Amino acid sequence: MLQIKRVYDPPAKSDGKRYLVERLWPRGMTKEAAKLDGWFRDVAPSTELRKWFSHDPAKWPEFQKRYRAELDANKAAWQPLLEAVKKDNATLLFSSHDAEHNNVVALKAYLEAKLKKK
């Protein structure tokens, strides 16, 4: 099972493996408190795309399209994460306040589509 969660929420046994999928380290979060099993920086959107999107819900459909294109062009970034989530329950962690319009929502959908193809 693949799920998403804010990195600031307390870890739980139901999280399984915990992977941060943000390019930037979350403000105020210590490595000990995050309890990560991995940090996949390169699977996050490019700085240019992240700044363009700026968490504007009106740009959400276009952001998803552009982000998928970035992921399609960078299999080396997401393939190790896909292999990791195949083995165990996993939680993709994000730091955004908006739980509906962020890169992790789009990444989860992307990875789930790849898992269904296998």
N, C-alpha and C. Protein backbone atom coordinates (compact mmCIF):
# COMPACT_ATOMS: atom_id res chain seq x y z
N MET A 1 0.84 -1.18 0.00
CA MET A 1 0.00 0.00 0.00
C MET A 1 0.89 1.24 0.00
N LEU A 2 0.53 2.21 -0.82
CA LEU A 2 1.26 3.45 -0.93
C LEU A 2 0.36 4.57 -0.42
N GLN A 3 0.89 5.35 0.51
CA GLN A 3 0.11 6.45 1.07
C GLN A 3 0.97 7.70 1.15
N ILE A 4 0.33 8.83 1.44
CA ILE A 4 1.05 10.08 1.59
C ILE A 4 0.71 10.69 2.94
N LYS A 5 1.64 11.54 3.42
CA LYS A 5 1.47 12.12 4.75
C LYS A 5 2.40 13.32 4.87
N ARG A 6 1.97 14.31 5.65
CA ARG A 6 2.86 15.44 5.94
C ARG A 6 4.00 14.94 6.81
N VAL A 7 5.19 15.38 6.54
CA VAL A 7 6.37 14.96 7.30
C VAL A 7 6.26 15.45 8.75
N TYR A 8 5.49 16.48 8.98
CA TYR A 8 5.34 17.03 10.33
C TYR A 8 4.37 16.23 11.20
N ASP A 9 3.57 15.36 10.59
CA ASP A 9 2.67 14.50 11.36
C ASP A 9 3.49 13.41 12.03
N PRO A 10 3.09 12.98 13.22
CA PRO A 10 3.89 11.97 13.93
C PRO A 10 3.97 10.65 13.15
N PRO A 11 5.13 10.01 13.18
CA PRO A 11 5.26 8.69 12.54
C PRO A 11 4.32 7.68 13.20
N ALA A 12 3.87 6.72 12.41
CA ALA A 12 2.99 5.65 12.91
C ALA A 12 3.44 4.33 12.32
N LYS A 13 3.16 3.23 13.02
CA LYS A 13 3.51 1.91 12.49
C LYS A 13 2.88 1.67 11.13
N SER A 14 1.68 2.20 10.92
CA SER A 14 0.98 2.00 9.66
C SER A 14 1.66 2.70 8.48
N ASP A 15 2.63 3.58 8.76
CA ASP A 15 3.36 4.26 7.68
C ASP A 15 4.19 3.30 6.85
N GLY A 16 4.63 2.21 7.43
CA GLY A 16 5.58 1.35 6.73
C GLY A 16 6.88 2.11 6.55
N LYS A 17 7.51 1.94 5.41
CA LYS A 17 8.73 2.68 5.10
C LYS A 17 8.36 4.13 4.81
N ARG A 18 9.18 5.05 5.28
CA ARG A 18 8.90 6.49 5.15
C ARG A 18 9.95 7.13 4.25
N TYR A 19 9.46 7.73 3.14
CA TYR A 19 10.35 8.33 2.17
C TYR A 19 9.99 9.79 1.94
N LEU A 20 10.95 10.68 2.19
CA LEU A 20 10.77 12.08 1.89
C LEU A 20 11.01 12.27 0.40
N VAL A 21 10.08 12.93 -0.28
CA VAL A 21 10.18 13.11 -1.73
C VAL A 21 10.09 14.60 -2.08
N GLU A 22 10.84 15.38 -1.35
CA GLU A 22 10.93 16.83 -1.54
C GLU A 22 12.38 17.18 -1.88
N ARG A 23 12.56 18.19 -2.67
CA ARG A 23 13.91 18.63 -3.03
C ARG A 23 14.57 19.34 -1.85
N LEU A 24 13.78 20.08 -1.07
CA LEU A 24 14.29 20.85 0.05
C LEU A 24 13.95 20.15 1.37
N TRP A 25 14.86 20.25 2.33
CA TRP A 25 14.60 19.68 3.66
C TRP A 25 13.52 20.51 4.34
N PRO A 26 12.54 19.86 5.00
CA PRO A 26 11.45 20.58 5.65
C PRO A 26 11.94 21.47 6.80
N ARG A 27 11.44 22.69 6.84
CA ARG A 27 11.83 23.65 7.87
C ARG A 27 11.53 23.12 9.27
N GLY A 28 12.51 23.28 10.14
CA GLY A 28 12.32 22.96 11.54
C GLY A 28 12.28 21.47 11.86
N MET A 29 12.46 20.62 10.89
CA MET A 29 12.38 19.17 11.09
C MET A 29 13.78 18.62 11.27
N THR A 30 13.96 17.85 12.33
CA THR A 30 15.25 17.19 12.51
C THR A 30 15.22 15.83 11.83
N LYS A 31 16.37 15.31 11.51
CA LYS A 31 16.44 13.98 10.89
C LYS A 31 15.90 12.93 11.84
N GLU A 32 16.14 13.09 13.12
CA GLU A 32 15.65 12.12 14.11
C GLU A 32 14.12 12.12 14.15
N ALA A 33 13.51 13.30 14.15
CA ALA A 33 12.05 13.40 14.22
C ALA A 33 11.38 12.89 12.94
N ALA A 34 12.04 13.05 11.80
CA ALA A 34 11.46 12.63 10.53
C ALA A 34 11.37 11.11 10.41
N LYS A 35 12.28 10.40 11.04
CA LYS A 35 12.31 8.93 11.00
C LYS A 35 12.17 8.41 9.57
N LEU A 36 13.10 8.83 8.74
CA LEU A 36 13.07 8.48 7.32
C LEU A 36 13.77 7.16 7.03
N ASP A 37 13.27 6.48 6.01
CA ASP A 37 13.96 5.32 5.45
C ASP A 37 14.69 5.71 4.17
N GLY A 38 14.44 6.92 3.70
CA GLY A 38 15.13 7.40 2.52
C GLY A 38 14.65 8.79 2.14
N TRP A 39 15.51 9.49 1.40
CA TRP A 39 15.18 10.82 0.89
C TRP A 39 15.47 10.82 -0.60
N PHE A 40 14.41 10.94 -1.38
CA PHE A 40 14.52 10.94 -2.84
C PHE A 40 14.35 12.37 -3.35
N ARG A 41 15.41 13.15 -3.28
CA ARG A 41 15.39 14.56 -3.70
C ARG A 41 15.09 14.71 -5.19
N ASP A 42 15.73 13.85 -5.98
CA ASP A 42 15.67 14.03 -7.43
C ASP A 42 14.34 13.65 -8.06
N VAL A 43 13.45 13.06 -7.28
CA VAL A 43 12.14 12.72 -7.81
C VAL A 43 11.18 13.91 -7.68
N ALA A 44 11.57 14.91 -6.92
CA ALA A 44 10.76 16.12 -6.75
C ALA A 44 10.78 16.94 -8.04
N PRO A 45 9.80 17.81 -8.21
CA PRO A 45 9.79 18.65 -9.41
C PRO A 45 11.03 19.55 -9.46
N SER A 46 11.39 19.95 -10.65
CA SER A 46 12.51 20.88 -10.81
C SER A 46 12.21 22.18 -10.06
N THR A 47 13.26 22.88 -9.71
CA THR A 47 13.09 24.17 -9.03
C THR A 47 12.24 25.11 -9.87
N GLU A 48 12.48 25.11 -11.18
CA GLU A 48 11.72 25.98 -12.07
C GLU A 48 10.23 25.65 -12.04
N LEU A 49 9.90 24.37 -12.10
CA LEU A 49 8.49 23.96 -12.07
C LEU A 49 7.86 24.27 -10.71
N ARG A 50 8.59 23.99 -9.66
CA ARG A 50 8.07 24.25 -8.31
C ARG A 50 7.77 25.74 -8.13
N LYS A 51 8.68 26.60 -8.57
CA LYS A 51 8.47 28.04 -8.44
C LYS A 51 7.33 28.51 -9.33
N TRP A 52 7.23 27.96 -10.55
CA TRP A 52 6.13 28.33 -11.43
C TRP A 52 4.78 27.98 -10.81
N PHE A 53 4.68 26.79 -10.27
CA PHE A 53 3.42 26.32 -9.68
C PHE A 53 3.05 27.14 -8.45
N SER A 54 3.99 27.34 -7.54
CA SER A 54 3.80 28.16 -6.35
C SER A 54 2.52 27.78 -5.58
N HIS A 55 2.16 26.51 -5.60
CA HIS A 55 1.00 25.97 -4.89
C HIS A 55 -0.30 26.71 -5.24
N ASP A 56 -0.42 27.11 -6.50
CA ASP A 56 -1.63 27.77 -7.00
C ASP A 56 -2.59 26.70 -7.53
N PRO A 57 -3.71 26.46 -6.84
CA PRO A 57 -4.65 25.41 -7.29
C PRO A 57 -5.13 25.60 -8.73
N ALA A 58 -5.16 26.83 -9.21
CA ALA A 58 -5.59 27.07 -10.59
C ALA A 58 -4.60 26.48 -11.59
N LYS A 59 -3.34 26.32 -11.19
CA LYS A 59 -2.31 25.76 -12.07
C LYS A 59 -2.16 24.25 -11.90
N TRP A 60 -2.95 23.64 -11.02
CA TRP A 60 -2.80 22.23 -10.67
C TRP A 60 -2.84 21.30 -11.88
N PRO A 61 -3.83 21.38 -12.77
CA PRO A 61 -3.84 20.45 -13.92
C PRO A 61 -2.59 20.57 -14.79
N GLU A 62 -2.15 21.79 -15.06
CA GLU A 62 -0.95 21.98 -15.87
C GLU A 62 0.30 21.54 -15.13
N PHE A 63 0.34 21.78 -13.82
CA PHE A 63 1.48 21.33 -13.02
C PHE A 63 1.63 19.81 -13.12
N GLN A 64 0.51 19.08 -12.97
CA GLN A 64 0.57 17.62 -13.04
C GLN A 64 1.10 17.16 -14.39
N LYS A 65 0.64 17.79 -15.45
CA LYS A 65 1.09 17.43 -16.80
C LYS A 65 2.60 17.66 -16.94
N ARG A 66 3.07 18.82 -16.50
CA ARG A 66 4.50 19.14 -16.63
C ARG A 66 5.35 18.25 -15.73
N TYR A 67 4.84 17.96 -14.54
CA TYR A 67 5.59 17.11 -13.61
C TYR A 67 5.70 15.69 -14.16
N ARG A 68 4.61 15.16 -14.71
CA ARG A 68 4.67 13.82 -15.34
C ARG A 68 5.70 13.79 -16.46
N ALA A 69 5.78 14.87 -17.23
CA ALA A 69 6.76 14.94 -18.31
C ALA A 69 8.18 14.92 -17.73
N GLU A 70 8.40 15.63 -16.63
CA GLU A 70 9.72 15.59 -15.98
C GLU A 70 10.03 14.18 -15.49
N LEU A 71 9.05 13.53 -14.89
CA LEU A 71 9.26 12.16 -14.39
C LEU A 71 9.55 11.20 -15.54
N ASP A 72 8.78 11.32 -16.63
CA ASP A 72 9.01 10.46 -17.79
C ASP A 72 10.44 10.60 -18.32
N ALA A 73 10.98 11.80 -18.21
CA ALA A 73 12.33 12.07 -18.73
C ALA A 73 13.43 11.69 -17.74
N ASN A 74 13.06 11.29 -16.54
CA ASN A 74 14.06 11.03 -15.51
C ASN A 74 13.76 9.73 -14.75
N LYS A 75 13.73 8.63 -15.48
CA LYS A 75 13.44 7.33 -14.88
C LYS A 75 14.41 6.97 -13.76
N ALA A 76 15.65 7.41 -13.88
CA ALA A 76 16.66 7.10 -12.87
C ALA A 76 16.30 7.69 -11.51
N ALA A 77 15.49 8.75 -11.49
CA ALA A 77 15.10 9.36 -10.22
C ALA A 77 14.02 8.57 -9.51
N TRP A 78 13.02 8.09 -10.26
CA TRP A 78 11.88 7.44 -9.61
C TRP A 78 11.96 5.91 -9.59
N GLN A 79 12.77 5.31 -10.44
CA GLN A 79 12.84 3.84 -10.48
C GLN A 79 13.25 3.23 -9.14
N PRO A 80 14.29 3.76 -8.45
CA PRO A 80 14.64 3.19 -7.14
C PRO A 80 13.51 3.32 -6.11
N LEU A 81 12.78 4.43 -6.18
CA LEU A 81 11.64 4.61 -5.28
C LEU A 81 10.55 3.60 -5.60
N LEU A 82 10.27 3.38 -6.86
CA LEU A 82 9.27 2.40 -7.27
C LEU A 82 9.65 1.01 -6.77
N GLU A 83 10.91 0.64 -6.91
CA GLU A 83 11.37 -0.67 -6.42
C GLU A 83 11.19 -0.78 -4.90
N ALA A 84 11.47 0.32 -4.19
CA ALA A 84 11.34 0.31 -2.73
C ALA A 84 9.89 0.15 -2.30
N VAL A 85 8.97 0.82 -2.97
CA VAL A 85 7.57 0.76 -2.54
C VAL A 85 6.90 -0.55 -2.97
N LYS A 86 7.50 -1.27 -3.91
CA LYS A 86 6.96 -2.58 -4.30
C LYS A 86 7.09 -3.59 -3.17
N LYS A 87 8.13 -3.44 -2.35
CA LYS A 87 8.48 -4.43 -1.34
C LYS A 87 7.70 -4.30 -0.04
N ASP A 88 7.35 -3.09 0.35
CA ASP A 88 6.74 -2.85 1.66
C ASP A 88 5.64 -1.80 1.54
N ASN A 89 4.81 -1.73 2.58
CA ASN A 89 3.94 -0.57 2.72
C ASN A 89 4.85 0.64 2.80
N ALA A 90 4.42 1.73 2.20
CA ALA A 90 5.29 2.90 2.17
C ALA A 90 4.46 4.17 2.25
N THR A 91 5.09 5.19 2.83
CA THR A 91 4.48 6.51 2.92
C THR A 91 5.42 7.52 2.28
N LEU A 92 4.87 8.29 1.35
CA LEU A 92 5.61 9.38 0.73
C LEU A 92 5.34 10.63 1.55
N LEU A 93 6.40 11.28 1.99
CA LEU A 93 6.27 12.42 2.89
C LEU A 93 6.47 13.73 2.17
N PHE A 94 5.64 14.72 2.53
CA PHE A 94 5.71 16.06 1.95
C PHE A 94 5.63 17.09 3.06
N SER A 95 6.01 18.32 2.74
CA SER A 95 5.98 19.37 3.76
C SER A 95 4.94 20.45 3.48
N SER A 96 4.35 20.46 2.34
CA SER A 96 3.38 21.48 1.95
C SER A 96 2.17 21.51 2.90
N HIS A 97 1.61 22.70 3.07
CA HIS A 97 0.39 22.83 3.86
C HIS A 97 -0.82 22.31 3.08
N ASP A 98 -0.78 22.40 1.77
CA ASP A 98 -1.89 21.98 0.91
C ASP A 98 -1.75 20.49 0.62
N ALA A 99 -2.60 19.70 1.23
CA ALA A 99 -2.52 18.24 1.08
C ALA A 99 -3.14 17.73 -0.22
N GLU A 100 -3.82 18.60 -0.96
CA GLU A 100 -4.48 18.18 -2.20
C GLU A 100 -3.72 18.58 -3.46
N HIS A 101 -3.01 19.68 -3.40
CA HIS A 101 -2.33 20.23 -4.58
C HIS A 101 -0.83 20.33 -4.31
N ASN A 102 -0.16 19.18 -4.31
CA ASN A 102 1.29 19.20 -4.13
C ASN A 102 1.91 18.07 -4.95
N ASN A 103 3.22 18.15 -5.10
CA ASN A 103 3.89 17.18 -5.97
C ASN A 103 3.74 15.74 -5.50
N VAL A 104 3.57 15.51 -4.22
CA VAL A 104 3.48 14.14 -3.72
C VAL A 104 2.16 13.48 -4.15
N VAL A 105 1.09 14.25 -4.23
CA VAL A 105 -0.18 13.73 -4.73
C VAL A 105 0.02 13.26 -6.18
N ALA A 106 0.67 14.10 -6.97
CA ALA A 106 0.92 13.75 -8.38
C ALA A 106 1.89 12.58 -8.49
N LEU A 107 2.92 12.55 -7.65
CA LEU A 107 3.90 11.46 -7.68
C LEU A 107 3.26 10.14 -7.29
N LYS A 108 2.41 10.14 -6.29
CA LYS A 108 1.72 8.91 -5.87
C LYS A 108 0.91 8.35 -7.03
N ALA A 109 0.14 9.20 -7.70
CA ALA A 109 -0.65 8.74 -8.85
C ALA A 109 0.25 8.18 -9.95
N TYR A 110 1.36 8.83 -10.19
CA TYR A 110 2.32 8.39 -11.21
C TYR A 110 2.88 7.01 -10.87
N LEU A 111 3.31 6.84 -9.62
CA LEU A 111 3.88 5.55 -9.20
C LEU A 111 2.83 4.45 -9.19
N GLU A 112 1.62 4.77 -8.77
CA GLU A 112 0.55 3.76 -8.77
C GLU A 112 0.24 3.29 -10.19
N ALA A 113 0.28 4.20 -11.14
CA ALA A 113 0.07 3.82 -12.54
C ALA A 113 1.18 2.89 -13.00
N LYS A 114 2.42 3.16 -12.60
CA LYS A 114 3.54 2.29 -12.97
C LYS A 114 3.41 0.92 -12.31
N LEU A 115 2.94 0.87 -11.07
CA LEU A 115 2.76 -0.39 -10.37
C LEU A 115 1.68 -1.25 -11.02
N LYS A 116 0.62 -0.62 -11.53
CA LYS A 116 -0.46 -1.35 -12.18
C LYS A 116 -0.02 -1.96 -13.50
N LYS A 117 0.93 -1.31 -14.17
CA LYS A 117 1.42 -1.81 -15.46
C LYS A 117 2.25 -3.07 -15.32
N LYS A 118 2.86 -3.26 -14.16
CA LYS A 118 3.77 -4.39 -13.96
C LYS A 118 3.01 -5.68 -13.81
